[in-house]
Protein backbone atom coordinates (compact mmCIF):
# COMPACT_ATOMS: atom_id res chain seq x y z
CA UNK A 1 11.84 -19.69 8.27
CA UNK A 2 11.69 -21.28 4.73
CA UNK A 3 9.05 -23.67 6.01
CA UNK A 4 7.02 -20.66 7.28
CA UNK A 5 7.22 -19.03 3.98
CA UNK A 6 6.17 -22.16 2.05
CA UNK A 7 3.25 -22.70 4.45
CA UNK A 8 2.06 -19.10 4.17
CA UNK A 9 2.10 -19.36 0.21
CA UNK A 10 -0.04 -22.50 0.57
CA UNK A 11 -2.63 -20.57 2.70
CA UNK A 12 -2.73 -17.83 0.09
CA UNK A 13 -3.03 -20.26 -2.67
CA UNK A 14 -5.86 -22.11 -0.88
CA UNK A 15 -7.58 -18.64 -0.15
CA UNK A 16 -7.43 -17.76 -3.86
CA UNK A 17 -8.85 -21.21 -4.72
CA UNK A 18 -11.75 -20.47 -2.27
CA UNK A 19 -12.45 -17.09 -3.87
CA UNK A 20 -11.67 -15.06 -0.75
CA UNK A 21 -9.41 -12.57 -2.58
CA UNK A 22 -12.28 -10.00 -2.16
CA UNK A 23 -12.92 -6.85 -4.12
CA UNK A 24 -14.44 -3.60 -3.12
CA UNK A 25 -17.23 -2.85 -2.24
CA UNK A 26 -19.42 -5.72 -3.12
CA UNK A 27 -17.47 -8.23 -1.06
CA UNK A 28 -17.87 -6.31 2.18
CA UNK A 29 -21.56 -7.64 2.18
CA UNK A 30 -21.11 -11.00 0.90
CA UNK A 31 -21.43 -14.08 3.15
CA UNK A 32 -18.65 -16.75 3.15
CA UNK A 33 -17.61 -19.74 5.37
CA UNK A 34 -15.02 -18.40 7.70
CA UNK A 35 -14.18 -21.95 9.04
CA UNK A 36 -12.90 -22.91 5.63
CA UNK A 37 -10.49 -20.01 5.30
CA UNK A 38 -7.33 -19.98 7.46
CA UNK A 39 -6.78 -16.93 9.75
CA UNK A 40 -3.52 -16.07 7.60
CA UNK A 41 -5.64 -15.97 4.39
CA UNK A 42 -8.42 -14.09 5.96
CA UNK A 43 -6.28 -11.32 7.41
CA UNK A 44 -4.22 -10.97 4.41
CA UNK A 45 -7.12 -10.45 2.32
CA UNK A 46 -8.93 -8.18 4.71
CA UNK A 47 -5.91 -5.89 4.94
CA UNK A 48 -5.77 -5.70 1.26
CA UNK A 49 -9.26 -4.51 0.98
CA UNK A 50 -8.24 -2.00 3.83
CA UNK A 51 -5.48 -0.55 1.90
CA UNK A 52 -7.63 -0.47 -1.38
CA UNK A 53 -9.51 2.38 0.39
CA UNK A 54 -6.66 4.68 -0.18
CA UNK A 55 -4.81 4.85 -3.49
CA UNK A 56 -2.15 6.99 -1.80
CA UNK A 57 -1.51 4.36 0.82
CA UNK A 58 -1.29 1.76 -1.66
CA UNK A 59 1.22 3.80 -3.61
CA UNK A 60 3.37 4.67 -0.61
CA UNK A 61 3.29 1.08 0.67
CA UNK A 62 3.72 -0.50 -2.86
CA UNK A 63 1.08 -2.95 -1.37
CA UNK A 64 -0.04 -4.56 -4.71
CA UNK A 65 1.56 -5.49 -8.07
CA UNK A 66 0.92 -5.64 -11.75
CA UNK A 67 -2.34 -4.06 -13.02
CA UNK A 68 -3.94 -3.42 -9.55
CA UNK A 69 -1.14 -1.52 -8.42
CA UNK A 70 -0.89 0.55 -11.72
CA UNK A 71 -4.47 1.25 -11.39
CA UNK A 72 -4.42 2.57 -7.98
CA UNK A 73 -1.41 4.81 -8.94
CA UNK A 74 -3.67 6.64 -11.33
CA UNK A 75 -6.01 7.66 -8.45
CA UNK A 76 -6.46 10.09 -5.68
CA UNK A 77 -8.72 8.90 -2.93
CA UNK A 78 -12.18 10.60 -2.83
CA UNK A 79 -12.69 12.77 0.16
CA UNK A 80 -16.51 12.04 0.43
CA UNK A 81 -18.97 10.95 2.93
CA UNK A 82 -19.57 7.78 0.97
CA UNK A 83 -15.94 6.79 1.24
CA UNK A 84 -16.03 7.37 5.05
CA UNK A 85 -19.19 5.52 5.45
CA UNK A 86 -17.52 2.52 3.61
CA UNK A 87 -14.55 2.57 5.90
CA UNK A 88 -16.81 2.34 8.86
CA UNK A 89 -18.76 -0.50 7.46
CA UNK A 90 -15.47 -2.30 6.58
CA UNK A 91 -14.24 -2.16 10.04
CA UNK A 92 -17.55 -3.39 11.39
CA UNK A 93 -17.32 -6.29 8.94
CA UNK A 94 -13.73 -7.08 10.01
CA UNK A 95 -14.45 -6.97 13.70
CA UNK A 96 -17.30 -9.39 13.27
CA UNK A 97 -15.17 -11.88 11.12
CA UNK A 98 -12.29 -11.57 13.49
CA UNK A 99 -14.52 -12.45 16.38
CA UNK A 100 -15.06 -15.73 14.83
CA UNK A 101 -11.52 -16.61 14.65
CA UNK A 102 -10.65 -15.48 18.33
CA UNK A 103 -13.85 -17.62 19.58
CA UNK A 104 -12.45 -20.63 17.81
CA UNK A 105 -9.47 -21.11 20.23
CA UNK A 106 -7.49 -22.32 17.27
CA UNK A 107 -5.09 -19.34 16.88
CA UNK A 108 -1.44 -19.68 17.54
CA UNK A 109 0.51 -17.45 20.04
CA UNK A 110 1.56 -15.28 17.14
CA UNK A 111 -1.84 -15.26 15.57
CA UNK A 112 -3.28 -14.14 18.90
CA UNK A 113 -0.92 -11.19 18.78
CA UNK A 114 -2.01 -10.38 15.45
CA UNK A 115 -5.73 -10.63 16.12
CA UNK A 116 -5.27 -8.39 19.02
CA UNK A 117 -3.67 -5.74 16.89
CA UNK A 118 -6.24 -5.98 14.23
CA UNK A 119 -8.95 -5.67 16.90
CA UNK A 120 -7.32 -2.63 18.60
CA UNK A 121 -7.01 -0.95 15.17
CA UNK A 122 -10.59 -1.54 13.88
CA UNK A 123 -12.07 -0.75 17.21
CA UNK A 124 -10.00 2.56 17.21
CA UNK A 125 -11.33 3.53 13.68
CA UNK A 126 -14.75 3.06 14.83
CA UNK A 127 -14.36 4.98 18.12
CA UNK A 128 -12.80 7.88 16.42
CA UNK A 129 -15.45 8.01 13.68
CA UNK A 130 -17.96 10.22 15.37
CA UNK A 131 -15.12 12.76 15.89
CA UNK A 132 -13.57 12.92 12.42
CA UNK A 133 -14.58 16.48 11.71
CA UNK A 134 -12.81 17.75 14.98
CA UNK A 135 -9.68 17.92 13.12
CA UNK A 136 -9.41 20.62 10.63
CA UNK A 137 -9.55 19.69 6.93
CA UNK A 138 -7.12 22.45 5.88
CA UNK A 139 -4.95 22.49 8.98
CA UNK A 140 -1.14 23.40 8.47
CA UNK A 141 0.36 20.01 9.07
CA UNK A 142 -1.30 17.54 6.86
CA UNK A 143 -4.26 19.31 5.48
CA UNK A 144 -5.51 18.51 1.99
CA UNK A 145 -3.86 21.89 0.70
CA UNK A 146 -0.39 20.51 1.49
CA UNK A 147 -0.99 16.72 1.67
CA UNK A 148 -1.66 16.42 -2.03
CA UNK A 149 1.37 18.49 -3.06
CA UNK A 150 3.77 16.38 -0.67
CA UNK A 151 2.23 13.19 -1.95
CA UNK A 152 2.62 14.12 -5.55
CA UNK A 153 6.25 15.71 -5.33
CA UNK A 154 7.71 13.21 -2.99
CA UNK A 155 5.80 10.04 -3.04
CA UNK A 156 4.14 9.36 -6.39
CA UNK A 157 6.65 6.98 -8.14
CA UNK A 158 8.33 8.28 -11.17
CA UNK A 159 10.24 5.17 -12.46
CA UNK A 160 9.35 5.06 -16.00
CA UNK A 161 7.09 6.59 -18.81
CA UNK A 162 4.08 5.00 -17.56
CA UNK A 163 4.62 6.64 -14.08
CA UNK A 164 4.57 9.95 -15.65
CA UNK A 165 1.31 9.49 -17.36
CA UNK A 166 -0.10 8.24 -14.07
CA UNK A 167 1.20 11.57 -12.50
CA UNK A 168 -0.74 13.58 -15.09
CA UNK A 169 -3.95 11.38 -14.52
CA UNK A 170 -3.51 12.10 -10.68
CA UNK A 171 -3.18 15.77 -11.29
CA UNK A 172 -6.32 15.94 -13.26
CA UNK A 173 -8.10 14.63 -10.05
CA UNK A 174 -6.62 17.32 -7.61
CA UNK A 175 -9.27 19.79 -8.17
CA UNK A 176 -12.18 17.35 -7.56
CA UNK A 177 -10.35 16.22 -4.27
CA UNK A 178 -9.88 19.77 -3.16
CA UNK A 179 -13.59 20.46 -3.90
CA UNK A 180 -14.70 17.46 -1.79
CA UNK A 181 -12.53 18.68 1.11
CA UNK A 182 -14.09 22.04 1.05
CA UNK A 183 -17.62 20.38 1.06
CA UNK A 184 -16.46 18.47 4.16
CA UNK A 185 -14.99 21.52 5.85
CA UNK A 186 -18.29 23.40 5.17
CA UNK A 187 -20.20 20.77 6.68
CA UNK A 188 -17.92 20.62 9.68
CA UNK A 189 -18.18 24.49 10.07
CA UNK A 190 -22.00 24.23 9.93
CA UNK A 191 -21.63 21.96 13.25
CA UNK A 192 -19.51 24.70 14.84
CA UNK A 193 -16.37 22.63 14.15
CA UNK A 194 -13.94 25.49 13.24
CA UNK A 195 -10.11 25.92 13.59
CA UNK A 196 -8.59 28.55 15.71
CA UNK A 197 -7.81 31.72 13.93
CA UNK A 198 -4.08 31.42 13.93
CA UNK A 199 -4.39 27.69 12.44
CA UNK A 200 -6.50 29.18 9.64
CA UNK A 201 -3.98 31.93 8.92
CA UNK A 202 -1.13 29.35 8.76
CA UNK A 203 -3.14 27.48 6.12
CA UNK A 204 -4.05 30.44 4.24
CA UNK A 205 -0.33 31.29 3.97
CA UNK A 206 0.35 28.07 2.61
CA UNK A 207 -2.40 28.29 0.00
CA UNK A 208 -1.20 31.69 -1.02
CA UNK A 209 2.37 30.55 -1.15
CA UNK A 210 1.30 27.59 -3.50
CA UNK A 211 -0.61 29.82 -5.84
CA UNK A 212 2.13 32.61 -6.15
CA UNK A 213 4.48 31.04 -8.88
CA UNK A 214 3.49 30.91 -12.43
CA UNK A 215 2.18 27.45 -13.58
CA UNK A 216 5.59 26.37 -15.01
CA UNK A 217 7.21 27.29 -11.65
CA UNK A 218 4.54 25.58 -9.63
CA UNK A 219 5.82 22.83 -7.15
CA UNK A 220 3.74 20.22 -8.97
CA UNK A 221 5.35 21.06 -12.38
CA UNK A 222 8.97 21.75 -11.04
CA UNK A 223 8.97 18.29 -9.24
CA UNK A 224 7.87 16.43 -12.29
CA UNK A 225 10.53 18.26 -14.37
CA UNK A 226 13.24 17.59 -11.67
CA UNK A 227 12.46 14.00 -11.01
CA UNK A 228 12.36 13.03 -14.66
CA UNK A 229 15.59 14.86 -15.73
CA UNK A 230 17.47 11.56 -15.97
CA UNK A 231 14.62 9.16 -16.27
CA UNK A 232 15.73 6.28 -18.32
CA UNK A 233 13.46 5.33 -21.33
CA UNK A 234 11.68 8.70 -21.30
CA UNK A 235 12.09 10.43 -24.66
CA UNK A 236 12.97 14.15 -24.31
CA UNK A 237 9.93 15.23 -26.34
CA UNK A 238 7.52 12.95 -24.22
CA UNK A 239 9.08 14.51 -20.99
CA UNK A 240 8.46 17.99 -22.49
CA UNK A 241 4.95 17.24 -23.51
CA UNK A 242 4.27 15.97 -19.87
CA UNK A 243 5.75 19.02 -18.27
CA UNK A 244 3.58 21.30 -20.61
CA UNK A 245 0.56 19.16 -19.80
CA UNK A 246 1.23 19.44 -15.98
CA UNK A 247 1.55 23.29 -16.25
CA UNK A 248 -1.70 23.31 -18.15
CA UNK A 249 -3.51 21.30 -15.46
CA UNK A 250 -2.14 23.71 -12.89
CA UNK A 251 -3.33 26.64 -14.62
CA UNK A 252 -6.67 25.46 -15.82
CA UNK A 253 -7.92 23.41 -12.80
CA UNK A 254 -5.60 23.15 -9.83
CA UNK A 255 -4.94 26.83 -9.18
CA UNK A 256 -8.70 27.63 -9.55
CA UNK A 257 -9.42 24.83 -6.98
CA UNK A 258 -6.85 26.53 -4.59
CA UNK A 259 -8.50 29.86 -5.16
CA UNK A 260 -11.73 28.22 -3.95
CA UNK A 261 -9.91 26.82 -0.89
CA UNK A 262 -8.73 30.29 -0.25
CA UNK A 263 -12.25 31.64 -0.61
CA UNK A 264 -13.53 29.19 1.82
CA UNK A 265 -10.84 30.07 4.43
CA UNK A 266 -11.73 33.64 3.97
CA UNK A 267 -15.46 33.05 4.31
CA UNK A 268 -14.99 31.22 7.85
CA UNK A 269 -12.42 33.41 9.24
CA UNK A 270 -14.79 35.90 10.71
CA UNK A 271 -16.40 32.98 12.76
CA UNK A 272 -13.13 31.91 14.34
CA UNK A 273 -11.42 32.95 17.53
CA UNK A 274 -8.19 32.42 19.23
CA UNK A 275 -9.27 29.54 21.64
CA UNK A 276 -6.70 26.77 21.05
CA UNK A 277 -8.11 23.43 22.46
CA UNK A 278 -10.67 21.00 21.46
CA UNK A 279 -12.48 21.80 24.74
CA UNK A 280 -14.14 24.73 22.81
CA UNK A 281 -15.75 22.34 20.28
CA UNK A 282 -19.01 20.33 20.56
CA UNK A 283 -18.26 17.09 22.35
CA UNK A 284 -14.69 18.23 22.46
CA UNK A 285 -13.96 16.56 25.75
CA UNK A 286 -14.87 13.03 24.28
CA UNK A 287 -13.04 13.68 21.13
CA UNK A 288 -9.90 14.46 23.03
CA UNK A 289 -10.26 11.48 25.26
CA UNK A 290 -10.52 9.21 22.09
CA UNK A 291 -7.51 11.00 20.57
CA UNK A 292 -5.42 10.30 23.73
CA UNK A 293 -6.59 6.56 23.66
CA UNK A 294 -5.73 6.30 19.94
CA UNK A 295 -2.16 7.90 20.10
CA UNK A 296 -1.24 6.36 23.34
CA UNK A 297 -2.84 2.91 23.08
CA UNK A 298 -3.76 3.29 26.80
CA UNK A 299 -6.50 4.31 28.96
CA UNK A 300 -4.50 7.08 30.63
CA UNK A 301 -6.80 10.18 31.17
CA UNK A 302 -5.76 13.77 30.43
CA UNK A 303 -5.29 14.51 34.26
CA UNK A 304 -3.20 11.41 34.59
CA UNK A 305 -0.93 12.30 31.63
CA UNK A 306 -0.68 15.96 32.72
CA UNK A 307 0.46 14.72 36.19
CA UNK A 308 3.07 12.29 34.58
CA UNK A 309 4.28 15.23 32.45
CA UNK A 310 4.84 17.37 35.51
CA UNK A 311 6.82 14.61 37.19
CA UNK A 312 9.11 13.93 34.00
CA UNK A 313 9.84 17.67 33.57
CA UNK A 314 11.02 17.97 37.13
CA UNK A 315 13.17 14.85 36.94
CA UNK A 316 14.80 15.75 33.55
CA UNK A 317 15.27 19.46 34.61
CA UNK A 318 17.36 18.13 37.81
CA UNK A 319 19.48 16.16 35.36
CA UNK A 320 20.09 18.91 33.16
CA UNK A 321 20.86 21.26 35.89
CA UNK A 322 23.70 19.09 37.13
CA UNK A 323 25.15 18.92 33.63
CA UNK A 324 24.73 22.60 33.10
CA UNK A 325 26.48 23.41 36.44
CA UNK A 326 29.34 21.07 35.90
CA UNK A 327 30.07 22.80 32.72
CA UNK A 328 30.11 26.21 34.24
CA UNK A 329 26.58 27.40 33.52
CA UNK A 330 25.10 28.14 36.94
CA UNK A 331 22.80 31.14 36.72
CA UNK A 332 19.35 31.29 35.48
CA UNK A 333 16.59 28.66 34.90
CA UNK A 334 17.42 25.56 32.88
CA UNK A 335 15.47 27.02 29.95
CA UNK A 336 17.41 30.30 30.08
CA UNK A 337 20.75 28.57 30.29
CA UNK A 338 19.85 26.28 27.39
CA UNK A 339 18.75 29.46 25.20
CA UNK A 340 22.16 30.88 25.92
CA UNK A 341 23.78 27.63 24.89
CA UNK A 342 21.96 27.46 21.60
CA UNK A 343 22.74 31.07 20.68
CA UNK A 344 26.49 30.52 21.65
CA UNK A 345 26.59 27.65 19.18
CA UNK A 346 24.89 29.37 16.13
CA UNK A 347 26.92 28.91 12.91
CA UNK A 348 27.89 32.14 10.77
CA UNK A 349 24.87 33.41 8.74
CA UNK A 350 27.06 33.60 5.60
CA UNK A 351 27.48 31.50 3.55
CA UNK A 352 24.07 29.82 4.19
CA UNK A 353 24.80 27.24 6.83
CA UNK A 354 22.00 24.89 5.81
CA UNK A 355 24.04 22.63 3.30
CA UNK A 356 26.69 22.16 5.96
CA UNK A 357 24.11 21.37 8.50
CA UNK A 358 22.48 18.71 6.21
CA UNK A 359 26.01 17.30 5.82
CA UNK A 360 26.59 17.19 9.53
CA UNK A 361 23.33 15.30 10.10
CA UNK A 362 24.57 12.77 7.49
CA UNK A 363 27.84 12.42 9.28
CA UNK A 364 26.00 11.74 12.60
CA UNK A 365 23.84 9.16 11.14
CA UNK A 366 26.95 7.29 9.84
CA UNK A 367 28.42 7.50 13.19
CA UNK A 368 25.25 6.26 14.82
CA UNK A 369 25.38 3.26 12.69
CA UNK A 370 28.82 2.39 13.82
CA UNK A 371 27.93 2.90 17.63
CA UNK A 372 24.82 0.91 17.23
CA UNK A 373 26.74 -2.45 16.50
CA UNK A 374 27.04 -2.88 20.16
CA UNK A 375 23.53 -2.65 20.93
CA UNK A 376 21.70 -4.38 18.05
CA UNK A 377 21.72 -7.69 16.02
CA UNK A 378 19.09 -6.29 13.42
CA UNK A 379 19.93 -3.67 11.33
CA UNK A 380 18.02 -2.56 8.14
CA UNK A 381 19.45 -3.42 4.74
CA UNK A 382 17.83 -0.15 3.36
CA UNK A 383 19.87 2.99 3.17
CA UNK A 384 18.97 6.23 4.88
CA UNK A 385 19.39 9.86 3.50
CA UNK A 386 19.00 13.10 5.14
CA UNK A 387 16.93 15.58 3.30
CA UNK A 388 15.94 19.16 3.80
CA UNK A 389 12.06 19.66 4.28
CA UNK A 390 10.59 21.35 1.00
CA UNK A 391 9.94 25.09 1.30
CA UNK A 392 6.15 24.87 1.02
CA UNK A 393 5.90 23.09 4.51
CA UNK A 394 9.33 23.91 6.14
CA UNK A 395 8.12 26.86 8.24
CA UNK A 396 5.44 24.52 9.80
CA UNK A 397 6.90 20.90 9.63
CA UNK A 398 8.51 18.93 12.28
CA UNK A 399 11.46 16.68 11.61
CA UNK A 400 10.22 13.39 10.43
CA UNK A 401 11.03 10.01 8.71
CA UNK A 402 9.56 8.33 5.76
CA UNK A 403 10.10 4.61 5.03
CA UNK A 404 12.00 3.21 2.18
CA UNK A 405 10.03 1.79 -0.89
CA UNK A 406 9.88 -1.79 -0.67
CA UNK A 407 11.33 -2.18 -4.34
CA UNK A 408 14.44 0.03 -3.35
CA UNK A 409 13.44 2.85 -5.55
CA UNK A 410 13.40 5.19 -2.51
CA UNK A 411 15.58 5.06 0.54
CA UNK A 412 14.51 5.87 4.13
CA UNK A 413 14.54 9.59 4.50
CA UNK A 414 15.16 11.76 7.55
CA UNK A 415 13.36 15.03 6.55
CA UNK A 416 15.06 18.14 8.67
CA UNK A 417 13.30 21.38 8.52
CA UNK A 418 15.69 24.27 8.65
CA UNK A 419 13.76 27.38 8.45
CA UNK A 420 16.21 29.40 10.47
CA UNK A 421 17.35 31.87 11.54
CA UNK A 422 18.14 30.07 14.68
CA UNK A 423 19.22 26.51 14.52
CA UNK A 424 19.21 24.08 17.47
CA UNK A 425 22.68 22.81 17.26
CA UNK A 426 23.00 20.84 20.54
CA UNK A 427 19.81 18.71 19.56
CA UNK A 428 21.35 17.69 16.18
CA UNK A 429 22.78 14.26 17.31
CA UNK A 430 19.82 13.45 19.26
CA UNK A 431 17.56 14.16 16.34
CA UNK A 432 19.42 11.83 14.10
CA UNK A 433 19.07 9.12 16.90
CA UNK A 434 15.29 9.69 16.96
CA UNK A 435 14.46 10.05 13.10
CA UNK A 436 17.13 7.94 11.76
CA UNK A 437 19.54 5.53 13.53
CA UNK A 438 18.52 3.61 15.71
CA UNK A 439 15.23 5.16 15.88
CA UNK A 440 12.59 5.26 13.12
CA UNK A 441 14.96 3.79 10.50
CA UNK A 442 15.73 0.76 12.55
CA UNK A 443 12.35 0.24 13.65
CA UNK A 444 10.18 0.85 10.42
CA UNK A 445 12.71 -0.48 7.86
CA UNK A 446 13.45 -3.58 9.63
CA UNK A 447 9.80 -4.26 10.06
CA UNK A 448 9.27 -3.80 6.16
CA UNK A 449 12.12 -6.13 5.60
CA UNK A 450 10.96 -9.25 7.54
CA UNK A 451 9.76 -11.51 4.89
CA UNK A 452 8.44 -14.02 7.25
CA UNK A 453 5.76 -11.46 8.35
CA UNK A 454 2.43 -11.15 6.75
CA UNK A 455 2.38 -8.16 4.19
CA UNK A 456 0.24 -6.23 6.34
CA UNK A 457 2.48 -6.38 9.22
CA UNK A 458 5.46 -5.53 7.19
CA UNK A 459 3.75 -2.49 5.76
CA UNK A 460 2.24 -1.42 9.06
CA UNK A 461 -1.34 -1.57 7.74
CA UNK A 462 -2.59 -2.28 11.20
CA UNK A 463 -0.63 -1.46 14.32
CA UNK A 464 0.17 0.49 17.40
CA UNK A 465 0.52 3.89 15.60
CA UNK A 466 2.37 6.85 17.51
CA UNK A 467 2.69 5.23 21.10
CA UNK A 468 4.85 2.27 19.44
CA UNK A 469 6.75 4.18 16.92
CA UNK A 470 7.41 7.27 18.64
CA UNK A 471 7.79 5.46 21.92
CA UNK A 472 10.73 3.43 20.27
CA UNK A 473 12.34 6.54 18.78
CA UNK A 474 12.44 8.26 22.14
CA UNK A 475 13.73 5.12 23.76
CA UNK A 476 16.56 5.18 21.28
CA UNK A 477 17.27 8.73 22.38
CA UNK A 478 17.49 7.48 25.98
CA UNK A 479 19.59 4.50 24.88
CA UNK A 480 22.17 6.77 23.45
CA UNK A 481 22.40 8.86 26.48
CA UNK A 482 22.74 5.84 28.84
CA UNK A 483 25.43 4.28 26.61
CA UNK A 484 27.74 7.02 26.61
CA UNK A 485 27.23 8.41 23.13
CA UNK A 486 27.62 11.99 24.44
CA UNK A 487 30.52 11.17 26.91
CA UNK A 488 32.94 13.53 25.03
CA UNK A 489 30.40 16.24 24.02
CA UNK A 490 28.55 17.82 26.96
CA UNK A 491 26.71 20.33 24.69
CA UNK A 492 25.26 17.49 22.72
CA UNK A 493 24.42 15.65 25.91
CA UNK A 494 22.49 18.79 26.97
CA UNK A 495 20.82 18.81 23.61
CA UNK A 496 19.77 15.14 24.12
CA UNK A 497 18.27 15.70 27.64
CA UNK A 498 16.55 18.89 26.37
CA UNK A 499 14.94 16.61 23.74
CA UNK A 500 13.72 14.38 26.55
CA UNK A 501 12.62 17.55 28.56
CA UNK A 502 10.77 18.80 25.36
CA UNK A 503 8.81 15.38 25.08
CA UNK A 504 7.97 15.69 28.81
CA UNK A 505 6.76 19.20 28.40
CA UNK A 506 4.57 17.95 25.60
CA UNK A 507 2.52 15.93 28.06
CA UNK A 508 1.73 18.98 29.96
CA UNK A 509 0.98 21.35 26.98
CA UNK A 510 -1.13 18.86 24.88
CA UNK A 511 -3.32 18.19 27.94
CA UNK A 512 -3.16 21.84 29.13
CA UNK A 513 -4.44 22.89 25.70
CA UNK A 514 -7.21 20.42 25.14
CA UNK A 515 -8.41 19.56 28.71
CA UNK A 516 -7.29 22.47 30.95
CA UNK A 517 -8.22 25.44 28.74
CA UNK A 518 -4.56 26.79 28.19
CA UNK A 519 -4.28 29.47 25.70
CA UNK A 520 -1.68 29.34 22.88
CA UNK A 521 0.33 31.99 24.86
CA UNK A 522 0.34 29.89 28.05
CA UNK A 523 1.74 26.88 26.21
CA UNK A 524 4.33 29.02 24.56
CA UNK A 525 5.41 30.46 27.92
CA UNK A 526 5.76 26.92 29.40
CA UNK A 527 8.76 26.38 27.10
CA UNK A 528 7.24 25.02 23.74
CA UNK A 529 7.79 27.17 20.51
CA UNK A 530 4.89 28.50 18.69
CA UNK A 531 5.15 26.20 15.66
CA UNK A 532 5.19 23.16 17.96
CA UNK A 533 2.25 24.53 20.06
CA UNK A 534 0.21 24.99 16.82
CA UNK A 535 1.14 21.37 15.97
CA UNK A 536 -0.54 20.07 19.02
CA UNK A 537 -3.51 22.29 18.48
CA UNK A 538 -4.04 20.85 14.99
CA UNK A 539 -3.26 17.09 16.03
CA UNK A 540 -4.47 16.62 19.71
CA UNK A 541 -2.87 13.64 21.57
CA UNK A 542 -0.25 12.61 19.20
CA UNK A 543 2.54 14.77 21.24
CA UNK A 544 1.69 12.46 24.36
CA UNK A 545 2.67 9.15 22.52
CA UNK A 546 6.50 9.79 22.67
CA UNK A 547 6.84 9.83 26.50
CA UNK A 548 4.11 7.39 27.20
CA UNK A 549 5.61 4.91 24.76
CA UNK A 550 9.12 5.30 25.80
CA UNK A 551 8.27 4.97 29.59
CA UNK A 552 6.44 1.59 28.68
CA UNK A 553 9.26 0.17 26.76
CA UNK A 554 11.67 0.97 29.41
CA UNK A 555 9.25 -0.58 32.17
CA UNK A 556 9.29 -3.82 29.93
CA UNK A 557 12.95 -3.74 29.67
CA UNK A 558 13.44 -3.39 33.54
CA UNK A 559 10.93 -6.13 33.93
CA UNK A 560 12.84 -8.46 31.56
CA UNK A 561 16.11 -7.56 33.29
CA UNK A 562 14.78 -8.23 36.81
CA UNK A 563 13.30 -11.67 35.57
CA UNK A 564 16.45 -12.87 33.68
CA UNK A 565 19.18 -11.36 35.76
CA UNK A 566 22.63 -12.19 34.35
CA UNK A 567 20.85 -13.99 31.33
CA UNK A 568 19.48 -10.76 30.21
CA UNK A 569 20.72 -9.75 26.68
CA UNK A 570 19.98 -6.06 25.45
CA UNK A 571 20.52 -7.20 21.76
CA UNK A 572 17.90 -10.00 22.21
CA UNK A 573 15.58 -7.62 23.86
CA UNK A 574 15.84 -5.24 21.07
CA UNK A 575 15.36 -8.05 18.62
CA UNK A 576 11.83 -8.82 20.28
CA UNK A 577 10.77 -5.35 20.10
CA UNK A 578 11.87 -4.71 16.54
CA UNK A 579 10.49 -8.03 15.12
CA UNK A 580 7.16 -7.45 16.83
CA UNK A 581 6.70 -4.50 14.71
CA UNK A 582 4.04 -1.80 15.03
CA UNK A 583 1.59 -3.09 17.62
CA UNK A 584 -0.48 -1.38 20.63
CA UNK A 585 1.62 -1.08 23.86
CA UNK A 586 -0.57 -3.92 25.52
CA UNK A 587 0.39 -6.34 22.48
CA UNK A 588 4.01 -5.29 22.87
CA UNK A 589 3.72 -6.21 26.54
CA UNK A 590 2.31 -9.87 25.72
CA UNK A 591 5.06 -10.26 23.14
CA UNK A 592 7.85 -9.20 25.62
CA UNK A 593 6.51 -11.26 28.45
CA UNK A 594 6.22 -14.27 26.18
CA UNK A 595 9.80 -14.01 25.34
CA UNK A 596 10.82 -13.63 29.00
CA UNK A 597 8.87 -16.91 29.62
CA UNK A 598 10.67 -18.87 26.84
CA UNK A 599 14.15 -17.83 28.15
CA UNK A 600 13.11 -18.96 31.57
């Protein structure tokens, strides 16, 4: 490994000497001799240029260092057509340059996998470009009205006094970014690309909630105050001035910009209706097909995914029925019996049960770490914490995971939304498996910690997106079931099986909404909560990645077990999947089959 690192450094040094550390945007059009530049150098530098498109991405991934990183951490990415055009042209340039390397036949086996991952990512970017405005700019999940707030309050680093000043500089750009987003949303609306009315109302409620507190009590100000309270090297008077400046910025520019967002939403509201799926939009069928291809990294059609969902729902319900009946719950549908179980397990309403639930989540994560010893060689060095989702987005957020900061300043975080009043107690253990250990935290933190990978692979600049990451997390859920983690807790086993059923139902509901003209109410009646249904409406295709990805990983494991027989080692299989990192499913297939061939 040490020799590989030395070799990689020499490539980077050669690249610097050749002048291929490119800068945006002039270098996109420049001519240079690819034959003189090793693939490692080219891919590293291309990935760096790709990250430079987004100051927020550079911040969250801590991709650069020194002055360049500091400069990016004082910016918020423009939401303009020019920036989108630059992304398209960079993707085209990257594919053209990549084709030269692939045609050369000089790539190693690992480099071929990397090249395939790059090609898939860039081709997906270009394929999705015609449909970028089908997603609503101000949706309730990651619309600009919540994305900026979440980024500033959670991700922007506050490690020293310079970071505080960068925070204030970024705040001064918020209004411009929102106005650019309004312009983009207006252009989309002119093409008939409008959200359903119920999605618009969710976004409208978020905007009003953000605007309601006085400036000093605004999330952007209180987060700064809270996160700098014990910051070393920050004088008290400097901190107070910064908080005052942030409140002034909120009052003079940010709140007026949010008022303009609200006015835009009110302006388009009369033109919206309750139709939920993308079928209602111009070129909606093509847009949805591309979304499925992007999120599943397969060529499965909506009809095929719908049929797969129906089969998996029936299979899992049979398994759940057997467990329910064994535990004395015989009457009613599976859904009715699970609803009764969840209600029976509700904690007392006083005192507020949420702090205790967060503590229980944390205990479960620690127990999962202990149990994982038997199934994994690789485990991340970075710590994992459980935190409650902030109030602004808690009512619309799903549980999720954020990666640790590479410099150790931020742990991996399992974000748990607990809006209440009813809590899904049976599914708590399974949720920790999925979002934390051995799910997303194992997969994503381990990938980031592999120092023998190129930086772009460590930081998932190009990869397989949801199919790989969510497929792994759902595979982890199944792994826990199959390895007896619930042997002494039938209620938690039912919660875990119900989580699997939930992902199978997603296949049916997502394709039902966007390809079969289901209504929001039909989707809810199928057994998916309103908040989740609205998530699928705003982000088509993503919900299909989980089950498709899990089934693919299981099929690869079965294939390896059949080939290797008694020599099959589950820990070694997990090593391969985790070390390969975020890749399209076809690239993962190549990696696993290559490992099987090497083991004989």
